[in-house]
Amino acid sequence: MAPLAALMNDGTLGDYFAGIWTKNLRFCLAWHRVNSLLTAPKTYRAPSFSWASVDGQIGSSILHLSETLMQDQALDASWIDEFGPRLLEQHMVLKDPSQPYGEVKEGLHLVLEACLVGLAKGLTVIRDHDIFHPTIVLDQSDAFDCPYCNPTQSTDEGRREATRELDNSIEHHVCMIVQGDGWKGRESVCEFLILRHMGEEGSYVRVGFGMPSLGHGYQAVWENEDKGFNAEPVRKLFGGMGWERRQIKLL
């Protein structure tokens, strides 16, 4: 990837950081697995927030988000400023300092100011209100996968074991918003990472990706009498989920 990254860098992308670019950090962080579980290499290759840290097929949100999202955010940045992540520091540890696009060593991390809510708390709020339809995909576990959508992913017992493991550690998992349009229409989306807290205070690793959308089954909640979109109940519920803006270290 090093030669390709060097060719891509036209000076507008920011710093290269183990497979991602800092200028459009929100879009770079919003990758996800497609079907099969991702696997970690035997040796350290990249931090957890980079697609380069895993093997397997991945997709990017930039392929399905509105083509005008970046322009819309430039015109009105109030929502993304309130909920989106902000890069405070970046710590690059290169194996060879003369190769800025080359291999990295363990210890590389980002310091972010980000909006977080506990995964268990967020899911409880979503289940209690008929507005959002959550889609959650863990990188190396099928605990949240629909067995009917992807029946070959794991055996029933394997899926039950994955669910038990998640249940035992769910209090250590949080959602971190990375992208969204502020719930401006019925096709609006918001994207977040699933992070697991590590031993050091404020330190997290990425373990998955999520996207709450507005399901058509909940249309009565967000539709006006004239069939137009009513953003108020959506924004009120989303803003009241318990999001906290905190400084974190993403490993």
Protein backbone atom coordinates (compact mmCIF):
# COMPACT_ATOMS: atom_id res chain seq x y z
CA MET A 1 0.00 0.00 0.00
CA ALA A 2 2.93 2.36 0.56
CA PRO A 3 3.50 3.20 -3.15
CA LEU A 4 -0.24 3.73 -3.70
CA ALA A 5 -0.55 5.95 -0.62
CA ALA A 6 2.38 8.04 -1.83
CA LEU A 7 0.70 8.50 -5.22
CA MET A 8 -2.64 9.44 -3.63
CA ASN A 9 -1.16 12.12 -1.40
CA ASP A 10 -1.77 15.37 -3.25
CA GLY A 11 -1.51 17.48 -0.13
CA THR A 12 -5.26 17.65 0.56
CA LEU A 13 -5.69 14.41 2.53
CA GLY A 14 -3.82 15.31 5.69
CA ASP A 15 -1.39 12.91 7.32
CA TYR A 16 -1.24 9.22 6.41
CA PHE A 17 -1.82 7.08 9.45
CA ALA A 18 -1.53 3.29 8.96
CA GLY A 19 -4.10 3.04 6.17
CA ILE A 20 -6.21 6.12 6.87
CA TRP A 21 -5.94 9.86 6.22
CA THR A 22 -6.46 12.41 8.97
CA LYS A 23 -8.12 15.11 6.84
CA ASN A 24 -11.32 13.09 6.32
CA LEU A 25 -10.97 11.05 9.49
CA ARG A 26 -14.70 10.46 9.99
CA PHE A 27 -15.08 8.80 6.59
CA CYS A 28 -11.86 6.81 7.02
CA LEU A 29 -12.98 5.37 10.36
CA ALA A 30 -16.39 4.25 9.04
CA TRP A 31 -15.44 0.91 7.48
CA HIS A 32 -17.15 -2.39 8.26
CA ARG A 33 -17.01 -6.05 7.37
CA VAL A 34 -19.26 -7.24 4.58
CA ASN A 35 -20.16 -10.84 5.40
CA SER A 36 -17.54 -13.22 6.75
CA LEU A 37 -15.85 -12.47 10.05
CA LEU A 38 -12.60 -10.57 9.91
CA THR A 39 -9.45 -12.11 11.35
CA ALA A 40 -6.50 -10.52 13.05
CA PRO A 41 -2.99 -11.21 11.70
CA LYS A 42 -0.54 -13.10 13.90
CA THR A 43 1.70 -10.06 14.22
CA TYR A 44 0.81 -6.40 14.77
CA ARG A 45 0.18 -4.58 11.51
CA ALA A 46 -1.95 -1.53 12.33
CA PRO A 47 -4.11 -0.06 15.12
CA SER A 48 -7.62 -1.44 15.60
CA PHE A 49 -9.33 1.58 14.01
CA SER A 50 -7.61 0.95 10.67
CA TRP A 51 -8.90 -1.55 8.10
CA ALA A 52 -5.27 -2.62 7.73
CA SER A 53 -5.43 -4.26 11.18
CA VAL A 54 -7.58 -7.15 9.93
CA ASP A 55 -7.86 -9.62 7.07
CA GLY A 56 -11.11 -10.10 5.16
CA GLN A 57 -13.61 -8.27 2.99
CA ILE A 58 -14.63 -4.79 4.13
CA GLY A 59 -16.97 -2.10 2.88
CA SER A 60 -16.98 1.66 3.29
CA SER A 61 -19.83 3.95 4.24
CA ILE A 62 -18.72 6.47 1.65
CA LEU A 63 -20.26 4.18 -0.98
CA HIS A 64 -23.81 4.63 0.32
CA LEU A 65 -23.88 8.01 2.05
CA SER A 66 -25.34 11.06 0.35
CA GLU A 67 -23.06 12.50 -2.31
CA THR A 68 -23.67 15.95 -0.84
CA LEU A 69 -22.96 15.03 2.80
CA MET A 70 -19.59 16.78 3.01
CA GLN A 71 -21.01 19.87 1.32
CA ASP A 72 -24.06 19.84 3.63
CA GLN A 73 -21.81 19.58 6.68
CA ALA A 74 -19.74 22.51 5.44
CA LEU A 75 -22.90 24.62 5.16
CA ASP A 76 -24.28 23.54 8.54
CA ALA A 77 -21.77 21.86 10.85
CA SER A 78 -23.82 22.18 14.05
CA TRP A 79 -24.77 18.50 14.34
CA ILE A 80 -21.40 17.02 13.38
CA ASP A 81 -19.62 19.54 15.63
CA GLU A 82 -21.80 18.41 18.54
CA PHE A 83 -21.64 14.67 17.96
CA GLY A 84 -18.72 13.94 15.62
CA PRO A 85 -15.15 13.09 16.69
CA ARG A 86 -12.40 15.69 16.76
CA LEU A 87 -8.75 14.73 16.37
CA LEU A 88 -6.62 16.16 19.17
CA GLU A 89 -3.35 14.24 18.81
CA GLN A 90 -1.85 11.53 16.64
CA HIS A 91 1.04 9.32 17.66
CA MET A 92 2.74 7.54 14.78
CA VAL A 93 5.38 4.87 15.48
CA LEU A 94 7.11 3.92 12.22
CA LYS A 95 9.44 0.95 11.88
CA ASP A 96 11.52 3.06 9.52
CA PRO A 97 11.16 6.83 10.11
CA SER A 98 12.35 7.51 6.56
CA GLN A 99 9.30 5.64 5.17
CA PRO A 100 6.17 7.64 6.16
CA TYR A 101 3.89 5.21 4.30
CA GLY A 102 5.65 2.09 5.54
CA GLU A 103 5.13 -0.40 8.35
CA VAL A 104 4.25 0.77 11.85
CA LYS A 105 5.03 -0.52 15.31
CA GLU A 106 2.70 -1.18 18.23
CA GLY A 107 1.93 1.92 20.27
CA LEU A 108 0.46 3.99 17.47
CA HIS A 109 -2.77 5.71 18.57
CA LEU A 110 -5.12 8.66 18.17
CA VAL A 111 -6.35 10.98 20.90
CA LEU A 112 -9.91 12.06 20.12
CA GLU A 113 -12.65 14.12 21.64
CA ALA A 114 -15.72 12.02 20.89
CA CYS A 115 -19.35 11.38 21.81
CA LEU A 116 -19.84 8.07 23.61
CA VAL A 117 -22.68 6.11 25.13
CA GLY A 118 -22.58 2.66 26.69
CA LEU A 119 -23.62 -0.03 24.21
CA ALA A 120 -26.05 -1.64 26.64
CA LYS A 121 -27.62 1.72 27.52
CA GLY A 122 -27.95 2.75 23.89
CA LEU A 123 -29.60 -0.52 22.90
CA THR A 124 -32.05 -0.24 25.80
CA VAL A 125 -33.17 3.24 24.70
CA ILE A 126 -33.55 2.10 21.09
CA ARG A 127 -35.62 -0.93 22.10
CA ASP A 128 -37.89 1.19 24.29
CA HIS A 129 -38.77 3.66 21.52
CA ASP A 130 -40.11 2.86 18.07
CA ILE A 131 -37.96 5.13 15.94
CA PHE A 132 -34.57 3.61 15.17
CA HIS A 133 -33.68 0.35 13.52
CA PRO A 134 -30.14 -0.54 14.67
CA THR A 135 -27.71 -2.52 12.55
CA ILE A 136 -24.62 -3.67 14.47
CA VAL A 137 -21.80 -5.69 12.96
CA LEU A 138 -18.91 -6.82 15.15
CA ASP A 139 -15.63 -7.30 13.32
CA GLN A 140 -14.69 -10.72 14.70
CA SER A 141 -17.94 -11.95 16.24
CA ASP A 142 -21.39 -12.74 14.82
CA ALA A 143 -23.22 -12.07 18.10
CA PHE A 144 -25.40 -9.41 16.44
CA ASP A 145 -25.70 -11.04 13.02
CA CYS A 146 -29.08 -12.08 11.68
CA PRO A 147 -28.97 -15.90 11.32
CA TYR A 148 -31.51 -15.76 8.50
CA CYS A 149 -29.60 -13.11 6.55
CA ASN A 150 -26.29 -14.95 6.75
CA PRO A 151 -27.03 -18.55 7.82
CA THR A 152 -23.61 -19.92 6.87
CA GLN A 153 -21.71 -17.53 9.10
CA SER A 154 -21.73 -19.72 12.22
CA THR A 155 -23.47 -22.66 13.82
CA ASP A 156 -26.28 -22.01 16.27
CA GLU A 157 -24.01 -23.05 19.14
CA GLY A 158 -21.22 -20.83 17.85
CA ARG A 159 -23.56 -17.87 17.72
CA ARG A 160 -24.87 -18.59 21.21
CA GLU A 161 -21.30 -18.73 22.52
CA ALA A 162 -20.48 -15.42 20.82
CA THR A 163 -23.59 -13.88 22.41
CA ARG A 164 -22.62 -15.20 25.86
CA GLU A 165 -19.14 -13.73 25.53
CA LEU A 166 -20.59 -10.35 24.59
CA ASP A 167 -23.13 -10.44 27.43
CA ASN A 168 -20.31 -11.04 29.91
CA SER A 169 -18.36 -8.01 28.72
CA ILE A 170 -20.98 -5.64 27.35
CA GLU A 171 -20.46 -3.15 30.18
CA HIS A 172 -16.99 -2.52 28.74
CA HIS A 173 -18.35 -1.61 25.29
CA VAL A 174 -19.36 1.85 24.07
CA CYS A 175 -20.68 3.43 20.87
CA MET A 176 -18.70 6.32 19.38
CA ILE A 177 -20.35 8.47 16.69
CA VAL A 178 -18.21 8.97 13.60
CA GLN A 179 -20.57 10.27 10.93
CA GLY A 180 -24.11 11.41 10.21
CA ASP A 181 -26.29 14.09 8.65
CA GLY A 182 -28.19 15.22 11.73
CA TRP A 183 -31.43 13.33 10.99
CA LYS A 184 -32.53 15.72 8.28
CA GLY A 185 -34.71 13.30 6.34
CA ARG A 186 -36.32 9.89 6.29
CA GLU A 187 -33.25 8.36 4.61
CA SER A 188 -30.91 9.80 7.24
CA VAL A 189 -28.25 7.65 8.81
CA CYS A 190 -25.82 7.89 11.67
CA GLU A 191 -22.72 5.73 11.92
CA PHE A 192 -20.80 4.74 15.00
CA LEU A 193 -17.96 2.49 16.06
CA ILE A 194 -18.27 -0.15 18.75
CA LEU A 195 -15.31 0.23 21.09
CA ARG A 196 -14.12 -1.95 23.96
CA HIS A 197 -12.52 -0.33 26.98
CA MET A 198 -9.00 -1.46 27.75
CA GLY A 199 -7.27 -1.56 31.12
CA GLU A 200 -5.82 1.94 30.91
CA GLU A 201 -8.33 4.68 31.70
CA GLY A 202 -9.72 6.29 28.58
CA SER A 203 -8.16 3.72 26.23
CA TYR A 204 -10.29 1.83 23.71
CA VAL A 205 -9.96 -0.53 20.77
CA ARG A 206 -12.39 -0.87 17.90
CA VAL A 207 -14.42 -4.11 17.79
CA GLY A 208 -17.29 -3.26 15.43
CA PHE A 209 -19.50 -0.86 13.52
CA GLY A 210 -23.12 0.23 13.85
CA MET A 211 -25.72 2.24 11.99
CA PRO A 212 -29.13 3.17 13.44
CA SER A 213 -31.51 4.10 10.64
CA LEU A 214 -35.15 5.12 10.50
CA GLY A 215 -37.17 2.00 9.77
CA HIS A 216 -40.35 2.36 7.71
CA GLY A 217 -42.20 0.42 10.40
CA TYR A 218 -41.75 3.45 12.67
CA GLN A 219 -43.12 5.90 10.11
CA ALA A 220 -45.97 7.11 12.32
CA VAL A 221 -43.44 8.51 14.80
CA TRP A 222 -41.56 10.76 12.41
CA GLU A 223 -44.16 11.57 9.76
CA ASN A 224 -46.22 14.77 9.80
CA GLU A 225 -49.90 14.87 8.95
CA ASP A 226 -48.98 16.07 5.46
CA LYS A 227 -46.68 13.03 5.05
CA GLY A 228 -43.60 15.22 5.46
CA PHE A 229 -40.64 14.38 7.66
CA ASN A 230 -40.73 15.54 11.29
CA ALA A 231 -37.18 15.60 12.63
CA GLU A 232 -38.05 16.80 16.14
CA PRO A 233 -38.93 13.45 17.81
CA VAL A 234 -35.97 11.78 16.13
CA ARG A 235 -33.44 14.37 17.27
CA LYS A 236 -34.97 14.55 20.74
CA LEU A 237 -34.67 10.81 21.32
CA PHE A 238 -31.22 10.57 19.79
CA GLY A 239 -29.89 13.52 21.78
CA GLY A 240 -31.40 12.09 24.97
CA MET A 241 -29.71 8.70 24.74
CA GLY A 242 -27.02 9.73 27.21
CA TRP A 243 -24.18 10.74 24.91
CA GLU A 244 -21.12 12.08 26.72
CA ARG A 245 -18.35 14.04 25.03
CA ARG A 246 -15.04 12.74 26.35
CA GLN A 247 -11.37 12.54 25.48
CA ILE A 248 -10.25 9.03 24.59
CA LYS A 249 -7.21 7.21 23.31
CA LEU A 250 -8.04 4.98 20.35
CA LEU A 251 -5.51 2.17 19.99
